[in-house]
Amino acid sequence: MIVSSQQIQVVLRLYGARQIKGPQEQRSPAEAQVVREEGADRAELSEEALFYQEARKAVQEAPDVREERVREIKEALVKGTYAVPAETVAEKMLGRLLVDRRI
């Protein structure tokens, strides 16, 4: 997986908490926010932040390797039937080039 600088900035904004001075202060919809109430801190997460939190948990729980897919590819390689379309290879190469230039 390729992680872009923009994606990193979004995550940093989501998980970077900031102090709120008063109830009238505007809250950013994509930021986690910390509110001080009667000597205790409380975090309020936006809907978007909660969605990213759930997605992050799902990704962490998913296996790193799809064993069945690896087995299928190994079998195809042994049989000599594994082929990747040239368009797919070119698309991946160009995509990686563009990401590398942006970073």
PDB file of N, CA and C in Angstrom:
ATOM      1  N   MET A   1       0.838  -1.167   0.000  1.00  0.00           N
ATOM      2  CA  MET A   1       0.000   0.000   0.000  1.00  0.00           C
ATOM      3  C   MET A   1       0.887   1.236   0.000  1.00  0.00           C
ATOM      4  N   ILE A   2       0.469   2.243  -0.734  1.00  0.00           N
ATOM      5  CA  ILE A   2       1.203   3.498  -0.812  1.00  0.00           C
ATOM      6  C   ILE A   2       0.436   4.527   0.007  1.00  0.00           C
ATOM      7  N   VAL A   3       1.115   5.189   0.931  1.00  0.00           N
ATOM      8  CA  VAL A   3       0.498   6.216   1.753  1.00  0.00           C
ATOM      9  C   VAL A   3       1.058   7.559   1.327  1.00  0.00           C
ATOM     10  N   SER A   4       0.179   8.450   0.906  1.00  0.00           N
ATOM     11  CA  SER A   4       0.622   9.758   0.433  1.00  0.00           C
ATOM     12  C   SER A   4       0.773  10.736   1.595  1.00  0.00           C
ATOM     13  N   SER A   5       1.463  11.811   1.328  1.00  0.00           N
ATOM     14  CA  SER A   5       1.654  12.864   2.323  1.00  0.00           C
ATOM     15  C   SER A   5       0.308  13.449   2.734  1.00  0.00           C
ATOM     16  N   GLN A   6      -0.591  13.590   1.788  1.00  0.00           N
ATOM     17  CA  GLN A   6      -1.911  14.145   2.084  1.00  0.00           C
ATOM     18  C   GLN A   6      -2.665  13.238   3.055  1.00  0.00           C
ATOM     19  N   GLN A   7      -2.580  11.929   2.857  1.00  0.00           N
ATOM     20  CA  GLN A   7      -3.248  11.002   3.760  1.00  0.00           C
ATOM     21  C   GLN A   7      -2.659  11.094   5.160  1.00  0.00           C
ATOM     22  N   ILE A   8      -1.364  11.252   5.262  1.00  0.00           N
ATOM     23  CA  ILE A   8      -0.714  11.390   6.563  1.00  0.00           C
ATOM     24  C   ILE A   8      -1.207  12.654   7.256  1.00  0.00           C
ATOM     25  N   GLN A   9      -1.338  13.748   6.509  1.00  0.00           N
ATOM     26  CA  GLN A   9      -1.811  15.000   7.091  1.00  0.00           C
ATOM     27  C   GLN A   9      -3.242  14.870   7.612  1.00  0.00           C
ATOM     28  N   VAL A  10      -4.092  14.132   6.898  1.00  0.00           N
ATOM     29  CA  VAL A  10      -5.464  13.924   7.347  1.00  0.00           C
ATOM     30  C   VAL A  10      -5.476  13.177   8.669  1.00  0.00           C
ATOM     31  N   VAL A  11      -4.670  12.125   8.767  1.00  0.00           N
ATOM     32  CA  VAL A  11      -4.602  11.342  10.010  1.00  0.00           C
ATOM     33  C   VAL A  11      -4.085  12.200  11.149  1.00  0.00           C
ATOM     34  N   LEU A  12      -3.058  13.000  10.893  1.00  0.00           N
ATOM     35  CA  LEU A  12      -2.527  13.867  11.938  1.00  0.00           C
ATOM     36  C   LEU A  12      -3.578  14.864  12.416  1.00  0.00           C
ATOM     37  N   ARG A  13      -4.366  15.409  11.489  1.00  0.00           N
ATOM     38  CA  ARG A  13      -5.426  16.334  11.881  1.00  0.00           C
ATOM     39  C   ARG A  13      -6.497  15.618  12.693  1.00  0.00           C
ATOM     40  N   LEU A  14      -6.834  14.382  12.290  1.00  0.00           N
ATOM     41  CA  LEU A  14      -7.878  13.638  12.990  1.00  0.00           C
ATOM     42  C   LEU A  14      -7.486  13.302  14.420  1.00  0.00           C
ATOM     43  N   TYR A  15      -6.263  12.906  14.622  1.00  0.00           N
ATOM     44  CA  TYR A  15      -5.854  12.432  15.935  1.00  0.00           C
ATOM     45  C   TYR A  15      -5.106  13.478  16.748  1.00  0.00           C
ATOM     46  N   GLY A  16      -4.897  14.654  16.198  1.00  0.00           N
ATOM     47  CA  GLY A  16      -4.253  15.719  16.957  1.00  0.00           C
ATOM     48  C   GLY A  16      -5.314  16.471  17.744  1.00  0.00           C
ATOM     49  N   ALA A  17      -5.294  16.379  19.053  1.00  0.00           N
ATOM     50  CA  ALA A  17      -6.286  17.057  19.890  1.00  0.00           C
ATOM     51  C   ALA A  17      -5.835  18.481  20.159  1.00  0.00           C
ATOM     52  N   ARG A  18      -6.797  19.394  20.305  1.00  0.00           N
ATOM     53  CA  ARG A  18      -6.475  20.771  20.639  1.00  0.00           C
ATOM     54  C   ARG A  18      -7.414  21.223  21.743  1.00  0.00           C
ATOM     55  N   GLN A  19      -6.962  22.165  22.532  1.00  0.00           N
ATOM     56  CA  GLN A  19      -7.738  22.692  23.652  1.00  0.00           C
ATOM     57  C   GLN A  19      -8.793  23.676  23.140  1.00  0.00           C
ATOM     58  N   ILE A  20     -10.017  23.575  23.606  1.00  0.00           N
ATOM     59  CA  ILE A  20     -11.080  24.494  23.236  1.00  0.00           C
ATOM     60  C   ILE A  20     -11.244  25.500  24.367  1.00  0.00           C
ATOM     61  N   LYS A  21     -11.258  26.788  24.047  1.00  0.00           N
ATOM     62  CA  LYS A  21     -11.306  27.836  25.063  1.00  0.00           C
ATOM     63  C   LYS A  21     -12.724  28.107  25.545  1.00  0.00           C
ATOM     64  N   GLY A  22     -13.702  27.962  24.712  1.00  0.00           N
ATOM     65  CA  GLY A  22     -15.065  28.260  25.121  1.00  0.00           C
ATOM     66  C   GLY A  22     -16.072  27.526  24.274  1.00  0.00           C
ATOM     67  N   PRO A  23     -17.336  27.482  24.710  1.00  0.00           N
ATOM     68  CA  PRO A  23     -18.351  26.724  23.963  1.00  0.00           C
ATOM     69  C   PRO A  23     -18.710  27.352  22.623  1.00  0.00           C
ATOM     70  N   GLN A  24     -18.440  28.657  22.441  1.00  0.00           N
ATOM     71  CA  GLN A  24     -18.781  29.305  21.184  1.00  0.00           C
ATOM     72  C   GLN A  24     -17.761  29.057  20.089  1.00  0.00           C
ATOM     73  N   GLU A  25     -16.605  28.527  20.442  1.00  0.00           N
ATOM     74  CA  GLU A  25     -15.551  28.324  19.443  1.00  0.00           C
ATOM     75  C   GLU A  25     -16.014  27.309  18.407  1.00  0.00           C
ATOM     76  N   GLN A  26     -15.770  27.603  17.144  1.00  0.00           N
ATOM     77  CA  GLN A  26     -16.136  26.709  16.058  1.00  0.00           C
ATOM     78  C   GLN A  26     -15.299  25.444  16.123  1.00  0.00           C
ATOM     79  N   ARG A  27     -15.920  24.325  15.898  1.00  0.00           N
ATOM     80  CA  ARG A  27     -15.220  23.048  15.894  1.00  0.00           C
ATOM     81  C   ARG A  27     -15.034  22.577  14.468  1.00  0.00           C
ATOM     82  N   SER A  28     -13.839  22.122  14.174  1.00  0.00           N
ATOM     83  CA  SER A  28     -13.551  21.577  12.855  1.00  0.00           C
ATOM     84  C   SER A  28     -14.169  20.183  12.771  1.00  0.00           C
ATOM     85  N   PRO A  29     -14.887  19.851  11.707  1.00  0.00           N
ATOM     86  CA  PRO A  29     -15.582  18.563  11.633  1.00  0.00           C
ATOM     87  C   PRO A  29     -14.653  17.365  11.548  1.00  0.00           C
ATOM     88  N   ALA A  30     -13.402  17.546  11.149  1.00  0.00           N
ATOM     89  CA  ALA A  30     -12.514  16.405  10.967  1.00  0.00           C
ATOM     90  C   ALA A  30     -11.486  16.271  12.080  1.00  0.00           C
ATOM     91  N   GLU A  31     -11.600  17.055  13.142  1.00  0.00           N
ATOM     92  CA  GLU A  31     -10.610  16.996  14.208  1.00  0.00           C
ATOM     93  C   GLU A  31     -11.196  16.392  15.472  1.00  0.00           C
ATOM     94  N   ALA A  32     -10.351  15.666  16.216  1.00  0.00           N
ATOM     95  CA  ALA A  32     -10.714  15.250  17.554  1.00  0.00           C
ATOM     96  C   ALA A  32     -10.516  16.473  18.432  1.00  0.00           C
ATOM     97  N   GLN A  33     -11.429  16.689  19.363  1.00  0.00           N
ATOM     98  CA  GLN A  33     -11.335  17.883  20.177  1.00  0.00           C
ATOM     99  C   GLN A  33     -11.423  17.515  21.655  1.00  0.00           C
ATOM    100  N   VAL A  34     -10.715  18.260  22.467  1.00  0.00           N
ATOM    101  CA  VAL A  34     -10.704  18.017  23.900  1.00  0.00           C
ATOM    102  C   VAL A  34     -11.391  19.183  24.586  1.00  0.00           C
ATOM    103  N   VAL A  35     -12.317  18.890  25.473  1.00  0.00           N
ATOM    104  CA  VAL A  35     -13.056  19.914  26.186  1.00  0.00           C
ATOM    105  C   VAL A  35     -12.803  19.716  27.682  1.00  0.00           C
ATOM    106  N   ARG A  36     -12.482  20.810  28.377  1.00  0.00           N
ATOM    107  CA  ARG A  36     -12.255  20.742  29.823  1.00  0.00           C
ATOM    108  C   ARG A  36     -13.560  21.119  30.514  1.00  0.00           C
ATOM    109  N   GLU A  37     -14.088  20.192  31.308  1.00  0.00           N
ATOM    110  CA  GLU A  37     -15.331  20.430  32.041  1.00  0.00           C
ATOM    111  C   GLU A  37     -15.135  20.063  33.498  1.00  0.00           C
ATOM    112  N   GLU A  38     -15.324  21.026  34.370  1.00  0.00           N
ATOM    113  CA  GLU A  38     -15.286  20.810  35.808  1.00  0.00           C
ATOM    114  C   GLU A  38     -14.100  19.960  36.235  1.00  0.00           C
ATOM    115  N   GLY A  39     -12.912  20.308  35.771  1.00  0.00           N
ATOM    116  CA  GLY A  39     -11.695  19.630  36.201  1.00  0.00           C
ATOM    117  C   GLY A  39     -11.417  18.306  35.514  1.00  0.00           C
ATOM    118  N   ALA A  40     -12.284  17.859  34.625  1.00  0.00           N
ATOM    119  CA  ALA A  40     -12.059  16.578  33.938  1.00  0.00           C
ATOM    120  C   ALA A  40     -12.022  16.822  32.438  1.00  0.00           C
ATOM    121  N   ASP A  41     -11.132  16.136  31.740  1.00  0.00           N
ATOM    122  CA  ASP A  41     -11.048  16.241  30.287  1.00  0.00           C
ATOM    123  C   ASP A  41     -12.023  15.264  29.657  1.00  0.00           C
ATOM    124  N   ARG A  42     -12.551  15.673  28.521  1.00  0.00           N
ATOM    125  CA  ARG A  42     -13.497  14.833  27.799  1.00  0.00           C
ATOM    126  C   ARG A  42     -13.218  15.006  26.313  1.00  0.00           C
ATOM    127  N   ALA A  43     -13.197  13.939  25.579  1.00  0.00           N
ATOM    128  CA  ALA A  43     -12.948  14.014  24.139  1.00  0.00           C
ATOM    129  C   ALA A  43     -14.262  13.820  23.394  1.00  0.00           C
ATOM    130  N   GLU A  44     -14.493  14.694  22.406  1.00  0.00           N
ATOM    131  CA  GLU A  44     -15.651  14.560  21.527  1.00  0.00           C
ATOM    132  C   GLU A  44     -15.121  14.366  20.110  1.00  0.00           C
ATOM    133  N   LEU A  45     -15.482  13.248  19.506  1.00  0.00           N
ATOM    134  CA  LEU A  45     -15.013  12.961  18.156  1.00  0.00           C
ATOM    135  C   LEU A  45     -16.133  13.209  17.160  1.00  0.00           C
ATOM    136  N   SER A  46     -15.775  13.784  16.029  1.00  0.00           N
ATOM    137  CA  SER A  46     -16.752  14.020  14.976  1.00  0.00           C
ATOM    138  C   SER A  46     -17.169  12.692  14.358  1.00  0.00           C
ATOM    139  N   GLU A  47     -18.247  12.746  13.579  1.00  0.00           N
ATOM    140  CA  GLU A  47     -18.705  11.541  12.877  1.00  0.00           C
ATOM    141  C   GLU A  47     -17.604  10.997  11.964  1.00  0.00           C
ATOM    142  N   GLU A  48     -16.920  11.913  11.284  1.00  0.00           N
ATOM    143  CA  GLU A  48     -15.845  11.508  10.370  1.00  0.00           C
ATOM    144  C   GLU A  48     -14.705  10.844  11.131  1.00  0.00           C
ATOM    145  N   ALA A  49     -14.346  11.396  12.286  1.00  0.00           N
ATOM    146  CA  ALA A  49     -13.276  10.817  13.094  1.00  0.00           C
ATOM    147  C   ALA A  49     -13.669   9.435  13.599  1.00  0.00           C
ATOM    148  N   LEU A  50     -14.931   9.273  14.007  1.00  0.00           N
ATOM    149  CA  LEU A  50     -15.408   7.958  14.454  1.00  0.00           C
ATOM    150  C   LEU A  50     -15.370   6.948  13.316  1.00  0.00           C
ATOM    151  N   PHE A  51     -15.722   7.393  12.104  1.00  0.00           N
ATOM    152  CA  PHE A  51     -15.658   6.508  10.936  1.00  0.00           C
ATOM    153  C   PHE A  51     -14.225   6.051  10.693  1.00  0.00           C
ATOM    154  N   TYR A  52     -13.268   7.002  10.716  1.00  0.00           N
ATOM    155  CA  TYR A  52     -11.860   6.646  10.511  1.00  0.00           C
ATOM    156  C   TYR A  52     -11.352   5.732  11.623  1.00  0.00           C
ATOM    157  N   GLN A  53     -11.828   5.947  12.839  1.00  0.00           N
ATOM    158  CA  GLN A  53     -11.418   5.106  13.954  1.00  0.00           C
ATOM    159  C   GLN A  53     -11.894   3.665  13.732  1.00  0.00           C
ATOM    160  N   GLU A  54     -13.136   3.505  13.287  1.00  0.00           N
ATOM    161  CA  GLU A  54     -13.669   2.169  13.005  1.00  0.00           C
ATOM    162  C   GLU A  54     -12.931   1.522  11.841  1.00  0.00           C
ATOM    163  N   ALA A  55     -12.651   2.306  10.797  1.00  0.00           N
ATOM    164  CA  ALA A  55     -11.928   1.780   9.638  1.00  0.00           C
ATOM    165  C   ALA A  55     -10.529   1.339  10.041  1.00  0.00           C
ATOM    166  N   ARG A  56      -9.872   2.134  10.856  1.00  0.00           N
ATOM    167  CA  ARG A  56      -8.515   1.806  11.320  1.00  0.00           C
ATOM    168  C   ARG A  56      -8.527   0.497  12.106  1.00  0.00           C
ATOM    169  N   LYS A  57      -9.532   0.324  12.959  1.00  0.00           N
ATOM    170  CA  LYS A  57      -9.641  -0.906  13.748  1.00  0.00           C
ATOM    171  C   LYS A  57      -9.844  -2.118  12.829  1.00  0.00           C
ATOM    172  N   ALA A  58     -10.696  -1.960  11.808  1.00  0.00           N
ATOM    173  CA  ALA A  58     -10.951  -3.055  10.866  1.00  0.00           C
ATOM    174  C   ALA A  58      -9.682  -3.436  10.108  1.00  0.00           C
ATOM    175  N   VAL A  59      -8.904  -2.443   9.713  1.00  0.00           N
ATOM    176  CA  VAL A  59      -7.655  -2.703   8.984  1.00  0.00           C
ATOM    177  C   VAL A  59      -6.659  -3.419   9.896  1.00  0.00           C
ATOM    178  N   GLN A  60      -6.579  -3.001  11.152  1.00  0.00           N
ATOM    179  CA  GLN A  60      -5.649  -3.627  12.082  1.00  0.00           C
ATOM    180  C   GLN A  60      -6.019  -5.075  12.360  1.00  0.00           C
ATOM    181  N   GLU A  61      -7.309  -5.385  12.330  1.00  0.00           N
ATOM    182  CA  GLU A  61      -7.762  -6.743  12.604  1.00  0.00           C
ATOM    183  C   GLU A  61      -7.667  -7.655  11.378  1.00  0.00           C
ATOM    184  N   ALA A  62      -7.562  -7.073  10.200  1.00  0.00           N
ATOM    185  CA  ALA A  62      -7.475  -7.866   8.970  1.00  0.00           C
ATOM    186  C   ALA A  62      -6.105  -8.531   8.877  1.00  0.00           C
ATOM    187  N   PRO A  63      -6.049  -9.718   8.311  1.00  0.00           N
ATOM    188  CA  PRO A  63      -4.754 -10.390   8.178  1.00  0.00           C
ATOM    189  C   PRO A  63      -3.846  -9.634   7.200  1.00  0.00           C
ATOM    190  N   ASP A  64      -2.546  -9.666   7.462  1.00  0.00           N
ATOM    191  CA  ASP A  64      -1.583  -8.986   6.599  1.00  0.00           C
ATOM    192  C   ASP A  64      -1.449  -9.693   5.256  1.00  0.00           C
ATOM    193  N   VAL A  65      -1.623 -10.985   5.252  1.00  0.00           N
ATOM    194  CA  VAL A  65      -1.446 -11.775   4.033  1.00  0.00           C
ATOM    195  C   VAL A  65      -2.720 -12.565   3.773  1.00  0.00           C
ATOM    196  N   ARG A  66      -3.200 -12.481   2.533  1.00  0.00           N
ATOM    197  CA  ARG A  66      -4.363 -13.279   2.146  1.00  0.00           C
ATOM    198  C   ARG A  66      -3.842 -14.624   1.658  1.00  0.00           C
ATOM    199  N   GLU A  67      -3.814 -15.588   2.570  1.00  0.00           N
ATOM    200  CA  GLU A  67      -3.214 -16.905   2.311  1.00  0.00           C
ATOM    201  C   GLU A  67      -3.807 -17.580   1.072  1.00  0.00           C
ATOM    202  N   GLU A  68      -5.115 -17.492   0.920  1.00  0.00           N
ATOM    203  CA  GLU A  68      -5.755 -18.147  -0.228  1.00  0.00           C
ATOM    204  C   GLU A  68      -5.279 -17.541  -1.541  1.00  0.00           C
ATOM    205  N   ARG A  69      -5.172 -16.220  -1.594  1.00  0.00           N
ATOM    206  CA  ARG A  69      -4.716 -15.541  -2.815  1.00  0.00           C
ATOM    207  C   ARG A  69      -3.267 -15.892  -3.125  1.00  0.00           C
ATOM    208  N   VAL A  70      -2.427 -15.950  -2.093  1.00  0.00           N
ATOM    209  CA  VAL A  70      -1.022 -16.324  -2.281  1.00  0.00           C
ATOM    210  C   VAL A  70      -0.929 -17.743  -2.848  1.00  0.00           C
ATOM    211  N   ARG A  71      -1.736 -18.651  -2.312  1.00  0.00           N
ATOM    212  CA  ARG A  71      -1.737 -20.035  -2.806  1.00  0.00           C
ATOM    213  C   ARG A  71      -2.156 -20.091  -4.272  1.00  0.00           C
ATOM    214  N   GLU A  72      -3.197 -19.339  -4.642  1.00  0.00           N
ATOM    215  CA  GLU A  72      -3.662 -19.314  -6.032  1.00  0.00           C
ATOM    216  C   GLU A  72      -2.562 -18.818  -6.969  1.00  0.00           C
ATOM    217  N   ILE A  73      -1.877 -17.755  -6.589  1.00  0.00           N
ATOM    218  CA  ILE A  73      -0.820 -17.200  -7.441  1.00  0.00           C
ATOM    219  C   ILE A  73       0.343 -18.174  -7.552  1.00  0.00           C
ATOM    220  N   LYS A  74       0.718 -18.814  -6.449  1.00  0.00           N
ATOM    221  CA  LYS A  74       1.813 -19.797  -6.492  1.00  0.00           C
ATOM    222  C   LYS A  74       1.476 -20.946  -7.440  1.00  0.00           C
ATOM    223  N   GLU A  75       0.239 -21.413  -7.353  1.00  0.00           N
ATOM    224  CA  GLU A  75      -0.182 -22.507  -8.236  1.00  0.00           C
ATOM    225  C   GLU A  75      -0.138 -22.076  -9.701  1.00  0.00           C
ATOM    226  N   ALA A  76      -0.600 -20.868  -9.982  1.00  0.00           N
ATOM    227  CA  ALA A  76      -0.595 -20.363 -11.353  1.00  0.00           C
ATOM    228  C   ALA A  76       0.836 -20.194 -11.863  1.00  0.00           C
ATOM    229  N   LEU A  77       1.751 -19.752 -11.003  1.00  0.00           N
ATOM    230  CA  LEU A  77       3.152 -19.622 -11.400  1.00  0.00           C
ATOM    231  C   LEU A  77       3.757 -20.973 -11.742  1.00  0.00           C
ATOM    232  N   VAL A  78       3.468 -21.977 -10.907  1.00  0.00           N
ATOM    233  CA  VAL A  78       3.992 -23.324 -11.153  1.00  0.00           C
ATOM    234  C   VAL A  78       3.450 -23.877 -12.469  1.00  0.00           C
ATOM    235  N   LYS A  79       2.174 -23.652 -12.752  1.00  0.00           N
ATOM    236  CA  LYS A  79       1.547 -24.142 -13.976  1.00  0.00           C
ATOM    237  C   LYS A  79       1.921 -23.300 -15.195  1.00  0.00           C
ATOM    238  N   GLY A  80       2.455 -22.106 -14.954  1.00  0.00           N
ATOM    239  CA  GLY A  80       2.804 -21.225 -16.060  1.00  0.00           C
ATOM    240  C   GLY A  80       1.611 -20.476 -16.628  1.00  0.00           C
ATOM    241  N   THR A  81       0.546 -20.363 -15.848  1.00  0.00           N
ATOM    242  CA  THR A  81      -0.665 -19.703 -16.331  1.00  0.00           C
ATOM    243  C   THR A  81      -0.876 -18.321 -15.719  1.00  0.00           C
ATOM    244  N   TYR A  82       0.047 -17.878 -14.888  1.00  0.00           N
ATOM    245  CA  TYR A  82      -0.100 -16.567 -14.241  1.00  0.00           C
ATOM    246  C   TYR A  82       0.314 -15.479 -15.218  1.00  0.00           C
ATOM    247  N   ALA A  83      -0.595 -14.541 -15.465  1.00  0.00           N
ATOM    248  CA  ALA A  83      -0.296 -13.437 -16.387  1.00  0.00           C
ATOM    249  C   ALA A  83      -0.920 -12.152 -15.852  1.00  0.00           C
ATOM    250  N   VAL A  84      -0.189 -11.089 -15.986  1.00  0.00           N
ATOM    251  CA  VAL A  84      -0.679  -9.767 -15.587  1.00  0.00           C
ATOM    252  C   VAL A  84      -0.751  -8.923 -16.850  1.00  0.00           C
ATOM    253  N   PRO A  85      -1.897  -8.311 -17.127  1.00  0.00           N
ATOM    254  CA  PRO A  85      -2.021  -7.475 -18.327  1.00  0.00           C
ATOM    255  C   PRO A  85      -1.020  -6.312 -18.297  1.00  0.00           C
ATOM    256  N   ALA A  86      -0.473  -5.995 -19.455  1.00  0.00           N
ATOM    257  CA  ALA A  86       0.506  -4.912 -19.563  1.00  0.00           C
ATOM    258  C   ALA A  86      -0.079  -3.588 -19.084  1.00  0.00           C
ATOM    259  N   GLU A  87      -1.370  -3.374 -19.325  1.00  0.00           N
ATOM    260  CA  GLU A  87      -2.013  -2.140 -18.887  1.00  0.00           C
ATOM    261  C   GLU A  87      -1.961  -2.009 -17.360  1.00  0.00           C
ATOM    262  N   THR A  88      -2.138  -3.109 -16.665  1.00  0.00           N
ATOM    263  CA  THR A  88      -2.104  -3.097 -15.203  1.00  0.00           C
ATOM    264  C   THR A  88      -0.701  -2.750 -14.701  1.00  0.00           C
ATOM    265  N   VAL A  89       0.311  -3.345 -15.318  1.00  0.00           N
ATOM    266  CA  VAL A  89       1.693  -3.061 -14.932  1.00  0.00           C
ATOM    267  C   VAL A  89       2.013  -1.591 -15.183  1.00  0.00           C
ATOM    268  N   ALA A  90       1.631  -1.079 -16.346  1.00  0.00           N
ATOM    269  CA  ALA A  90       1.899   0.322 -16.681  1.00  0.00           C
ATOM    270  C   ALA A  90       1.167   1.257 -15.722  1.00  0.00           C
ATOM    271  N   GLU A  91      -0.070   0.946 -15.401  1.00  0.00           N
ATOM    272  CA  GLU A  91      -0.849   1.768 -14.486  1.00  0.00           C
ATOM    273  C   GLU A  91      -0.185   1.845 -13.113  1.00  0.00           C
ATOM    274  N   LYS A  92       0.272   0.717 -12.601  1.00  0.00           N
ATOM    275  CA  LYS A  92       0.936   0.690 -11.293  1.00  0.00           C
ATOM    276  C   LYS A  92       2.253   1.474 -11.321  1.00  0.00           C
ATOM    277  N   MET A  93       3.006   1.322 -12.412  1.00  0.00           N
ATOM    278  CA  MET A  93       4.278   2.032 -12.518  1.00  0.00           C
ATOM    279  C   MET A  93       4.059   3.546 -12.556  1.00  0.00           C
ATOM    280  N   LEU A  94       3.088   3.986 -13.368  1.00  0.00           N
ATOM    281  CA  LEU A  94       2.806   5.414 -13.468  1.00  0.00           C
ATOM    282  C   LEU A  94       2.241   5.967 -12.160  1.00  0.00           C
ATOM    283  N   GLY A  95       1.381   5.200 -11.523  1.00  0.00           N
ATOM    284  CA  GLY A  95       0.830   5.621 -10.245  1.00  0.00           C
ATOM    285  C   GLY A  95       1.914   5.810  -9.201  1.00  0.00           C
ATOM    286  N   ARG A  96       2.844   4.878  -9.151  1.00  0.00           N
ATOM    287  CA  ARG A  96       3.947   4.984  -8.187  1.00  0.00           C
ATOM    288  C   ARG A  96       4.830   6.190  -8.502  1.00  0.00           C
ATOM    289  N   LEU A  97       5.081   6.414  -9.794  1.00  0.00           N
ATOM    290  CA  LEU A  97       5.887   7.561 -10.211  1.00  0.00           C
ATOM    291  C   LEU A  97       5.239   8.871  -9.766  1.00  0.00           C
ATOM    292  N   LEU A  98       3.928   8.993  -9.973  1.00  0.00           N
ATOM    293  CA  LEU A  98       3.213  10.202  -9.578  1.00  0.00           C
ATOM    294  C   LEU A  98       3.234  10.405  -8.070  1.00  0.00           C
ATOM    295  N   VAL A  99       3.059   9.353  -7.307  1.00  0.00           N
ATOM    296  CA  VAL A  99       3.087   9.457  -5.845  1.00  0.00           C
ATOM    297  C   VAL A  99       4.488   9.865  -5.384  1.00  0.00           C
ATOM    298  N   ASP A 100       5.517   9.275  -5.958  1.00  0.00           N
ATOM    299  CA  ASP A 100       6.881   9.600  -5.577  1.00  0.00           C
ATOM    300  C   ASP A 100       7.205  11.065  -5.857  1.00  0.00           C
ATOM    301  N   ARG A 101       6.686  11.599  -6.940  1.00  0.00           N
ATOM    302  CA  ARG A 101       6.938  13.005  -7.278  1.00  0.00           C
ATOM    303  C   ARG A 101       6.211  13.964  -6.358  1.00  0.00           C
ATOM    304  N   ARG A 102       5.056  13.553  -5.839  1.00  0.00           N
ATOM    305  CA  ARG A 102       4.280  14.411  -4.939  1.00  0.00           C
ATOM    306  C   ARG A 102       4.898  14.464  -3.544  1.00  0.00           C
ATOM    307  N   ILE A 103       5.610  13.438  -3.177  1.00  0.00           N
ATOM    308  CA  ILE A 103       6.150  13.364  -1.799  1.00  0.00           C
ATOM    309  C   ILE A 103       7.444  14.068  -1.683  1.00  0.00           C
TER     310      ILE A 103
END
